[in-house]
């Protein structure tokens, strides 16, 4: 069975993190890595983060997660375990998400709401994909993007 992981890199909003937990649980994600200053369901004093708990509808208590400081460390470990690292970012070398066909385990990297996925993560990724936009806005909310990507790739072996 194919495993799907999420790496949330420097996400600012606890509401976005909670929404992604909820979507990830419904899409069958194996684990979420929270990198940098991305808020976690439990703070350093092991207190529940109320915004994440509320927006995740409790999914933050179900799905496995791990807090890490370094994006490079998370990517290296997952690649050593055989997962393809797929950064979701608009880039000159990105492929449209519906033209991407990963095989096997995969980890999707979603970045900061303003700055996107870091240069370090883009450089370490096995591929970069994006969602084409038709309107005047350049991008979607990170939680909305995660939903599109996770459900699009959910049944891809």
N, C-alpha and C. Protein backbone atom coordinates (compact mmCIF):
# COMPACT_ATOMS: atom_id res chain seq x y z
N UNK A 1 0.84 -1.19 0.00
CA UNK A 1 0.00 0.00 0.00
C UNK A 1 0.88 1.25 0.00
N UNK A 2 0.54 2.17 -0.87
CA UNK A 2 1.29 3.42 -1.00
C UNK A 2 1.06 4.30 0.22
N UNK A 3 2.14 4.85 0.74
CA UNK A 3 2.04 5.78 1.86
C UNK A 3 2.17 7.21 1.35
N UNK A 4 1.36 8.08 1.93
CA UNK A 4 1.43 9.50 1.61
C UNK A 4 1.76 10.27 2.87
N UNK A 5 2.73 11.16 2.74
CA UNK A 5 3.15 12.02 3.84
C UNK A 5 2.93 13.47 3.44
N UNK A 6 2.80 14.32 4.43
CA UNK A 6 2.73 15.76 4.20
C UNK A 6 3.84 16.41 5.00
N UNK A 7 4.48 17.39 4.38
CA UNK A 7 5.45 18.24 5.07
C UNK A 7 4.90 19.66 5.00
N UNK A 8 4.60 20.23 6.15
CA UNK A 8 4.12 21.61 6.21
C UNK A 8 5.29 22.47 6.67
N UNK A 9 5.75 23.33 5.79
CA UNK A 9 6.95 24.13 6.05
C UNK A 9 6.59 25.58 6.35
N UNK A 10 6.81 25.98 7.58
CA UNK A 10 6.61 27.38 8.00
C UNK A 10 5.23 27.93 7.68
N UNK A 11 4.22 27.12 7.95
CA UNK A 11 2.83 27.58 7.82
C UNK A 11 2.55 28.49 9.01
N UNK A 12 1.97 29.65 8.77
CA UNK A 12 1.71 30.61 9.85
C UNK A 12 0.42 30.34 10.59
N UNK A 13 -0.61 29.97 9.88
CA UNK A 13 -1.96 29.90 10.44
C UNK A 13 -2.30 28.55 11.05
N UNK A 14 -2.65 28.57 12.33
CA UNK A 14 -3.12 27.34 12.99
C UNK A 14 -4.41 26.85 12.34
N UNK A 15 -5.22 27.76 11.82
CA UNK A 15 -6.45 27.36 11.14
C UNK A 15 -6.13 26.56 9.87
N UNK A 16 -5.13 27.00 9.12
CA UNK A 16 -4.71 26.25 7.94
C UNK A 16 -4.18 24.87 8.33
N UNK A 17 -3.38 24.83 9.38
CA UNK A 17 -2.82 23.54 9.83
C UNK A 17 -3.96 22.60 10.22
N UNK A 18 -4.93 23.09 10.98
CA UNK A 18 -6.06 22.26 11.39
C UNK A 18 -6.86 21.76 10.20
N UNK A 19 -7.10 22.64 9.24
CA UNK A 19 -7.85 22.24 8.04
C UNK A 19 -7.09 21.17 7.26
N UNK A 20 -5.77 21.30 7.20
CA UNK A 20 -4.97 20.30 6.49
C UNK A 20 -4.99 18.97 7.23
N UNK A 21 -4.95 18.99 8.56
CA UNK A 21 -5.08 17.74 9.33
C UNK A 21 -6.40 17.05 9.00
N UNK A 22 -7.46 17.81 8.96
CA UNK A 22 -8.78 17.23 8.69
C UNK A 22 -8.82 16.62 7.29
N UNK A 23 -8.32 17.35 6.31
CA UNK A 23 -8.29 16.84 4.94
C UNK A 23 -7.37 15.62 4.83
N UNK A 24 -6.22 15.70 5.47
CA UNK A 24 -5.25 14.60 5.42
C UNK A 24 -5.83 13.31 6.00
N UNK A 25 -6.56 13.43 7.09
CA UNK A 25 -7.16 12.25 7.70
C UNK A 25 -8.17 11.62 6.74
N UNK A 26 -8.97 12.44 6.08
CA UNK A 26 -9.95 11.95 5.13
C UNK A 26 -9.33 11.37 3.87
N UNK A 27 -8.13 11.83 3.52
CA UNK A 27 -7.46 11.37 2.31
C UNK A 27 -6.52 10.19 2.58
N UNK A 28 -6.41 9.76 3.84
CA UNK A 28 -5.59 8.60 4.16
C UNK A 28 -4.11 8.87 4.29
N UNK A 29 -3.74 10.08 4.65
CA UNK A 29 -2.32 10.41 4.83
C UNK A 29 -1.76 9.64 6.02
N UNK A 30 -0.54 9.14 5.88
CA UNK A 30 0.10 8.34 6.93
C UNK A 30 0.66 9.19 8.07
N UNK A 31 1.24 10.35 7.73
CA UNK A 31 1.88 11.17 8.76
C UNK A 31 2.07 12.58 8.22
N UNK A 32 2.04 13.55 9.15
CA UNK A 32 2.30 14.94 8.81
C UNK A 32 3.54 15.39 9.57
N UNK A 33 4.46 16.02 8.84
CA UNK A 33 5.65 16.62 9.46
C UNK A 33 5.43 18.13 9.50
N UNK A 34 5.59 18.69 10.68
CA UNK A 34 5.41 20.13 10.90
C UNK A 34 6.80 20.72 11.06
N UNK A 35 7.20 21.56 10.11
CA UNK A 35 8.58 22.03 10.04
C UNK A 35 8.66 23.53 10.32
N UNK A 36 9.75 23.91 10.99
CA UNK A 36 9.99 25.33 11.27
C UNK A 36 8.99 25.85 12.29
N UNK A 37 8.40 27.00 11.99
CA UNK A 37 7.47 27.60 12.94
C UNK A 37 6.01 27.19 12.72
N UNK A 38 5.79 26.18 11.91
CA UNK A 38 4.43 25.65 11.74
C UNK A 38 3.88 25.24 13.10
N UNK A 39 2.70 25.74 13.48
CA UNK A 39 2.14 25.35 14.77
C UNK A 39 1.77 23.87 14.81
N UNK A 40 1.93 23.27 15.98
CA UNK A 40 1.63 21.86 16.18
C UNK A 40 0.37 21.71 17.04
N UNK A 41 -0.29 20.56 16.97
CA UNK A 41 -1.48 20.32 17.80
C UNK A 41 -1.21 20.46 19.30
N UNK A 42 0.02 20.16 19.71
CA UNK A 42 0.43 20.35 21.10
C UNK A 42 1.62 21.30 21.12
N UNK A 43 1.58 22.29 22.00
CA UNK A 43 2.70 23.22 22.09
C UNK A 43 3.84 22.58 22.89
N UNK A 44 4.91 23.30 23.11
CA UNK A 44 6.09 22.73 23.79
C UNK A 44 5.81 22.35 25.23
N UNK A 45 4.70 22.85 25.78
CA UNK A 45 4.29 22.49 27.14
C UNK A 45 3.22 21.40 27.14
N UNK A 46 3.00 20.80 25.94
CA UNK A 46 2.03 19.73 25.72
C UNK A 46 0.58 20.17 25.94
N UNK A 47 0.33 21.46 25.72
CA UNK A 47 -1.04 21.98 25.77
C UNK A 47 -1.63 21.92 24.37
N UNK A 48 -2.90 21.54 24.29
CA UNK A 48 -3.56 21.50 22.98
C UNK A 48 -3.66 22.90 22.39
N UNK A 49 -3.46 22.98 21.09
CA UNK A 49 -3.59 24.23 20.37
C UNK A 49 -5.05 24.32 19.94
N UNK A 50 -5.86 25.20 20.54
CA UNK A 50 -7.31 25.18 20.32
C UNK A 50 -7.75 25.40 18.87
N UNK A 51 -7.04 26.26 18.13
CA UNK A 51 -7.44 26.51 16.74
C UNK A 51 -7.25 25.27 15.86
N UNK A 52 -6.15 24.54 16.11
CA UNK A 52 -5.91 23.32 15.34
C UNK A 52 -6.94 22.26 15.70
N UNK A 53 -7.18 22.08 16.99
CA UNK A 53 -8.16 21.09 17.44
C UNK A 53 -9.54 21.39 16.84
N UNK A 54 -9.94 22.66 16.85
CA UNK A 54 -11.26 23.04 16.35
C UNK A 54 -11.38 22.84 14.84
N UNK A 55 -10.42 23.38 14.08
CA UNK A 55 -10.54 23.29 12.62
C UNK A 55 -10.28 21.88 12.10
N UNK A 56 -9.55 21.07 12.86
CA UNK A 56 -9.31 19.69 12.42
C UNK A 56 -10.46 18.76 12.79
N UNK A 57 -11.41 19.26 13.59
CA UNK A 57 -12.50 18.44 14.11
C UNK A 57 -12.00 17.16 14.77
N UNK A 58 -10.87 17.30 15.47
CA UNK A 58 -10.30 16.16 16.19
C UNK A 58 -9.35 15.30 15.39
N UNK A 59 -9.20 15.57 14.09
CA UNK A 59 -8.28 14.77 13.27
C UNK A 59 -6.84 14.90 13.76
N UNK A 60 -6.53 16.02 14.42
CA UNK A 60 -5.17 16.20 14.95
C UNK A 60 -4.86 15.22 16.08
N UNK A 61 -5.89 14.58 16.61
CA UNK A 61 -5.69 13.54 17.63
C UNK A 61 -5.61 12.14 17.01
N UNK A 62 -5.92 12.05 15.73
CA UNK A 62 -5.96 10.75 15.06
C UNK A 62 -4.71 10.50 14.21
N UNK A 63 -4.37 11.47 13.39
CA UNK A 63 -3.29 11.28 12.42
C UNK A 63 -1.93 11.48 13.10
N UNK A 64 -0.96 10.67 12.72
CA UNK A 64 0.39 10.81 13.27
C UNK A 64 1.02 12.11 12.79
N UNK A 65 1.77 12.75 13.67
CA UNK A 65 2.49 13.96 13.30
C UNK A 65 3.78 14.05 14.09
N UNK A 66 4.69 14.83 13.54
CA UNK A 66 5.98 15.03 14.19
C UNK A 66 6.47 16.44 13.90
N UNK A 67 7.00 17.10 14.91
CA UNK A 67 7.52 18.46 14.78
C UNK A 67 9.02 18.38 14.54
N UNK A 68 9.50 19.10 13.53
CA UNK A 68 10.93 19.12 13.19
C UNK A 68 11.36 20.56 12.90
N UNK A 69 12.64 20.82 13.11
CA UNK A 69 13.18 22.15 12.83
C UNK A 69 13.65 22.29 11.39
N UNK A 70 14.18 21.22 10.82
CA UNK A 70 14.88 21.29 9.53
C UNK A 70 14.13 20.57 8.41
N UNK A 71 13.82 21.30 7.36
CA UNK A 71 13.18 20.71 6.18
C UNK A 71 14.13 19.71 5.51
N UNK A 72 15.42 20.03 5.49
CA UNK A 72 16.39 19.15 4.86
C UNK A 72 16.44 17.80 5.57
N UNK A 73 16.37 17.81 6.88
CA UNK A 73 16.40 16.57 7.67
C UNK A 73 15.19 15.69 7.35
N UNK A 74 14.02 16.28 7.29
CA UNK A 74 12.80 15.52 7.00
C UNK A 74 12.86 14.93 5.60
N UNK A 75 13.26 15.75 4.64
CA UNK A 75 13.34 15.28 3.26
C UNK A 75 14.35 14.13 3.14
N UNK A 76 15.50 14.28 3.76
CA UNK A 76 16.53 13.23 3.69
C UNK A 76 16.02 11.91 4.24
N UNK A 77 15.38 11.95 5.40
CA UNK A 77 14.86 10.73 6.02
C UNK A 77 13.81 10.07 5.12
N UNK A 78 12.88 10.86 4.60
CA UNK A 78 11.83 10.29 3.76
C UNK A 78 12.39 9.74 2.45
N UNK A 79 13.36 10.43 1.86
CA UNK A 79 13.98 9.90 0.64
C UNK A 79 14.72 8.60 0.92
N UNK A 80 15.40 8.52 2.06
CA UNK A 80 16.10 7.28 2.42
C UNK A 80 15.12 6.13 2.62
N UNK A 81 13.89 6.46 3.02
CA UNK A 81 12.85 5.44 3.18
C UNK A 81 12.13 5.14 1.86
N UNK A 82 12.54 5.80 0.78
CA UNK A 82 12.01 5.50 -0.54
C UNK A 82 10.86 6.38 -1.01
N UNK A 83 10.53 7.41 -0.26
CA UNK A 83 9.43 8.30 -0.67
C UNK A 83 9.93 9.34 -1.68
N UNK A 84 9.09 9.61 -2.67
CA UNK A 84 9.37 10.71 -3.59
C UNK A 84 8.93 12.00 -2.91
N UNK A 85 9.76 13.02 -2.99
CA UNK A 85 9.44 14.32 -2.42
C UNK A 85 8.88 15.19 -3.53
N UNK A 86 7.64 15.65 -3.33
CA UNK A 86 6.95 16.44 -4.34
C UNK A 86 6.59 17.79 -3.73
N UNK A 87 7.32 18.82 -4.13
CA UNK A 87 7.03 20.17 -3.66
C UNK A 87 5.87 20.74 -4.47
N UNK A 88 4.95 21.38 -3.79
CA UNK A 88 3.79 21.99 -4.46
C UNK A 88 4.03 23.49 -4.46
N UNK A 89 4.46 24.00 -5.62
CA UNK A 89 4.88 25.39 -5.70
C UNK A 89 4.90 25.84 -7.16
N UNK A 90 4.53 27.07 -7.39
CA UNK A 90 4.66 27.64 -8.72
C UNK A 90 6.14 27.94 -8.96
N UNK A 91 6.66 27.40 -10.03
CA UNK A 91 8.09 27.52 -10.31
C UNK A 91 8.31 27.40 -11.81
N UNK A 92 9.44 27.89 -12.27
CA UNK A 92 9.74 27.79 -13.69
C UNK A 92 9.92 26.34 -14.13
N UNK A 93 10.28 25.45 -13.18
CA UNK A 93 10.48 24.04 -13.55
C UNK A 93 9.37 23.13 -13.01
N UNK A 94 8.22 23.73 -12.67
CA UNK A 94 7.13 22.90 -12.15
C UNK A 94 6.33 22.27 -13.28
N UNK A 95 5.69 21.16 -12.93
CA UNK A 95 4.81 20.44 -13.83
C UNK A 95 3.39 20.61 -13.30
N UNK A 96 2.41 20.71 -14.19
CA UNK A 96 1.03 20.79 -13.72
C UNK A 96 0.69 19.49 -12.98
N UNK A 97 0.00 19.62 -11.86
CA UNK A 97 -0.28 18.48 -11.00
C UNK A 97 -0.97 17.33 -11.73
N UNK A 98 -1.81 17.64 -12.71
CA UNK A 98 -2.53 16.59 -13.42
C UNK A 98 -1.70 15.97 -14.55
N UNK A 99 -0.44 16.38 -14.66
CA UNK A 99 0.49 15.77 -15.61
C UNK A 99 1.62 15.05 -14.88
N UNK A 100 1.45 14.86 -13.60
CA UNK A 100 2.46 14.23 -12.75
C UNK A 100 1.97 12.83 -12.35
N UNK A 101 2.84 11.84 -12.45
CA UNK A 101 2.45 10.47 -12.17
C UNK A 101 3.46 9.79 -11.25
N UNK A 102 3.45 10.14 -9.96
CA UNK A 102 4.40 9.51 -9.04
C UNK A 102 4.06 8.04 -8.82
N UNK A 103 5.07 7.26 -8.58
CA UNK A 103 4.89 5.85 -8.26
C UNK A 103 5.44 5.60 -6.86
N UNK A 104 4.74 4.83 -6.09
CA UNK A 104 5.20 4.49 -4.75
C UNK A 104 4.91 5.57 -3.72
N UNK A 105 5.59 5.45 -2.58
CA UNK A 105 5.37 6.40 -1.48
C UNK A 105 5.75 7.80 -1.91
N UNK A 106 5.01 8.77 -1.36
CA UNK A 106 5.27 10.16 -1.74
C UNK A 106 5.04 11.08 -0.55
N UNK A 107 5.77 12.20 -0.55
CA UNK A 107 5.62 13.23 0.47
C UNK A 107 5.42 14.56 -0.23
N UNK A 108 4.32 15.21 0.07
CA UNK A 108 4.02 16.51 -0.52
C UNK A 108 4.46 17.62 0.42
N UNK A 109 5.21 18.58 -0.11
CA UNK A 109 5.67 19.72 0.67
C UNK A 109 4.79 20.91 0.34
N UNK A 110 4.17 21.48 1.38
CA UNK A 110 3.36 22.69 1.25
C UNK A 110 4.05 23.78 2.07
N UNK A 111 4.18 24.97 1.49
CA UNK A 111 4.96 26.02 2.13
C UNK A 111 4.15 27.16 2.68
N UNK A 112 4.86 28.12 3.19
CA UNK A 112 4.34 29.32 3.82
C UNK A 112 3.31 30.02 2.94
N UNK A 113 2.30 30.56 3.59
CA UNK A 113 1.18 31.21 2.90
C UNK A 113 1.61 32.39 2.01
N UNK A 114 2.69 33.05 2.35
CA UNK A 114 3.17 34.19 1.55
C UNK A 114 4.37 33.80 0.69
N UNK A 115 5.37 33.19 1.30
CA UNK A 115 6.63 32.91 0.61
C UNK A 115 6.68 31.56 -0.10
N UNK A 116 5.75 30.67 0.17
CA UNK A 116 5.73 29.37 -0.47
C UNK A 116 6.77 28.41 0.07
N UNK A 117 7.10 27.42 -0.71
CA UNK A 117 8.08 26.40 -0.36
C UNK A 117 9.48 27.02 -0.46
N UNK A 118 10.32 26.73 0.52
CA UNK A 118 11.67 27.32 0.55
C UNK A 118 12.54 26.83 -0.61
N UNK A 119 13.57 27.61 -0.90
CA UNK A 119 14.53 27.23 -1.95
C UNK A 119 15.21 25.91 -1.59
N UNK A 120 15.51 25.70 -0.31
CA UNK A 120 16.15 24.45 0.12
C UNK A 120 15.27 23.25 -0.17
N UNK A 121 13.98 23.37 0.11
CA UNK A 121 13.05 22.26 -0.15
C UNK A 121 12.87 22.04 -1.64
N UNK A 122 12.81 23.13 -2.40
CA UNK A 122 12.67 22.99 -3.87
C UNK A 122 13.89 22.29 -4.45
N UNK A 123 15.08 22.63 -3.96
CA UNK A 123 16.30 22.02 -4.46
C UNK A 123 16.39 20.54 -4.12
N UNK A 124 15.86 20.16 -2.96
CA UNK A 124 15.93 18.77 -2.51
C UNK A 124 14.80 17.91 -3.06
N UNK A 125 13.75 18.52 -3.56
CA UNK A 125 12.57 17.78 -4.03
C UNK A 125 12.90 16.97 -5.28
N UNK A 126 12.20 15.84 -5.41
CA UNK A 126 12.34 15.02 -6.61
C UNK A 126 11.57 15.60 -7.78
N UNK A 127 10.50 16.33 -7.46
CA UNK A 127 9.73 17.01 -8.49
C UNK A 127 8.97 18.17 -7.87
N UNK A 128 8.59 19.12 -8.72
CA UNK A 128 7.82 20.28 -8.29
C UNK A 128 6.57 20.32 -9.16
N UNK A 129 5.42 20.43 -8.50
CA UNK A 129 4.16 20.49 -9.23
C UNK A 129 3.39 21.75 -8.81
N UNK A 130 2.49 22.18 -9.68
CA UNK A 130 1.64 23.31 -9.33
C UNK A 130 0.24 23.12 -9.87
N UNK A 131 -0.64 23.98 -9.42
CA UNK A 131 -2.03 24.00 -9.87
C UNK A 131 -2.19 25.22 -10.75
N UNK A 132 -2.54 25.04 -12.02
CA UNK A 132 -2.68 26.21 -12.90
C UNK A 132 -3.83 27.10 -12.45
N UNK A 133 -3.62 28.38 -12.53
CA UNK A 133 -4.61 29.36 -12.11
C UNK A 133 -5.18 30.07 -13.34
N UNK A 134 -6.48 30.33 -13.32
CA UNK A 134 -7.14 31.01 -14.44
C UNK A 134 -7.54 32.44 -14.11
N UNK A 135 -7.68 32.75 -12.84
CA UNK A 135 -8.14 34.07 -12.42
C UNK A 135 -7.01 35.06 -12.27
N UNK A 136 -7.33 36.17 -11.62
CA UNK A 136 -6.33 37.21 -11.40
C UNK A 136 -5.43 36.92 -10.21
N UNK A 137 -5.90 36.12 -9.28
CA UNK A 137 -5.08 35.77 -8.12
C UNK A 137 -4.04 34.74 -8.54
N UNK A 138 -2.87 34.84 -7.94
CA UNK A 138 -1.75 33.99 -8.35
C UNK A 138 -1.75 32.61 -7.69
N UNK A 139 -2.50 32.46 -6.58
CA UNK A 139 -2.42 31.19 -5.87
C UNK A 139 -3.68 30.95 -5.05
N UNK A 140 -3.78 29.73 -4.54
CA UNK A 140 -4.87 29.33 -3.66
C UNK A 140 -4.40 29.31 -2.22
N UNK A 141 -5.33 29.27 -1.28
CA UNK A 141 -5.01 29.06 0.11
C UNK A 141 -4.31 27.71 0.25
N UNK A 142 -3.35 27.61 1.15
CA UNK A 142 -2.56 26.39 1.30
C UNK A 142 -3.43 25.19 1.68
N UNK A 143 -4.45 25.41 2.50
CA UNK A 143 -5.33 24.30 2.88
C UNK A 143 -6.16 23.82 1.69
N UNK A 144 -6.60 24.75 0.86
CA UNK A 144 -7.35 24.39 -0.35
C UNK A 144 -6.44 23.63 -1.31
N UNK A 145 -5.23 24.12 -1.47
CA UNK A 145 -4.25 23.45 -2.33
C UNK A 145 -4.00 22.03 -1.85
N UNK A 146 -3.81 21.87 -0.55
CA UNK A 146 -3.56 20.53 0.00
C UNK A 146 -4.73 19.60 -0.32
N UNK A 147 -5.95 20.09 -0.19
CA UNK A 147 -7.12 19.26 -0.49
C UNK A 147 -7.14 18.79 -1.93
N UNK A 148 -6.87 19.70 -2.85
CA UNK A 148 -6.85 19.33 -4.27
C UNK A 148 -5.79 18.28 -4.54
N UNK A 149 -4.59 18.53 -4.06
CA UNK A 149 -3.46 17.63 -4.32
C UNK A 149 -3.68 16.26 -3.66
N UNK A 150 -4.06 16.26 -2.39
CA UNK A 150 -4.20 14.98 -1.67
C UNK A 150 -5.27 14.09 -2.28
N UNK A 151 -6.39 14.66 -2.64
CA UNK A 151 -7.45 13.83 -3.20
C UNK A 151 -7.18 13.47 -4.66
N UNK A 152 -6.47 14.32 -5.38
CA UNK A 152 -6.10 13.97 -6.76
C UNK A 152 -5.18 12.74 -6.77
N UNK A 153 -4.22 12.71 -5.84
CA UNK A 153 -3.23 11.64 -5.83
C UNK A 153 -3.58 10.48 -4.90
N UNK A 154 -4.71 10.56 -4.24
CA UNK A 154 -5.06 9.55 -3.23
C UNK A 154 -5.04 8.13 -3.77
N UNK A 155 -5.54 7.90 -4.93
CA UNK A 155 -5.67 6.54 -5.46
C UNK A 155 -4.62 6.20 -6.51
N UNK A 156 -3.60 7.06 -6.64
CA UNK A 156 -2.52 6.79 -7.60
C UNK A 156 -1.49 5.87 -6.96
N UNK A 157 -1.26 4.74 -7.56
CA UNK A 157 -0.26 3.81 -7.04
C UNK A 157 1.06 4.13 -7.67
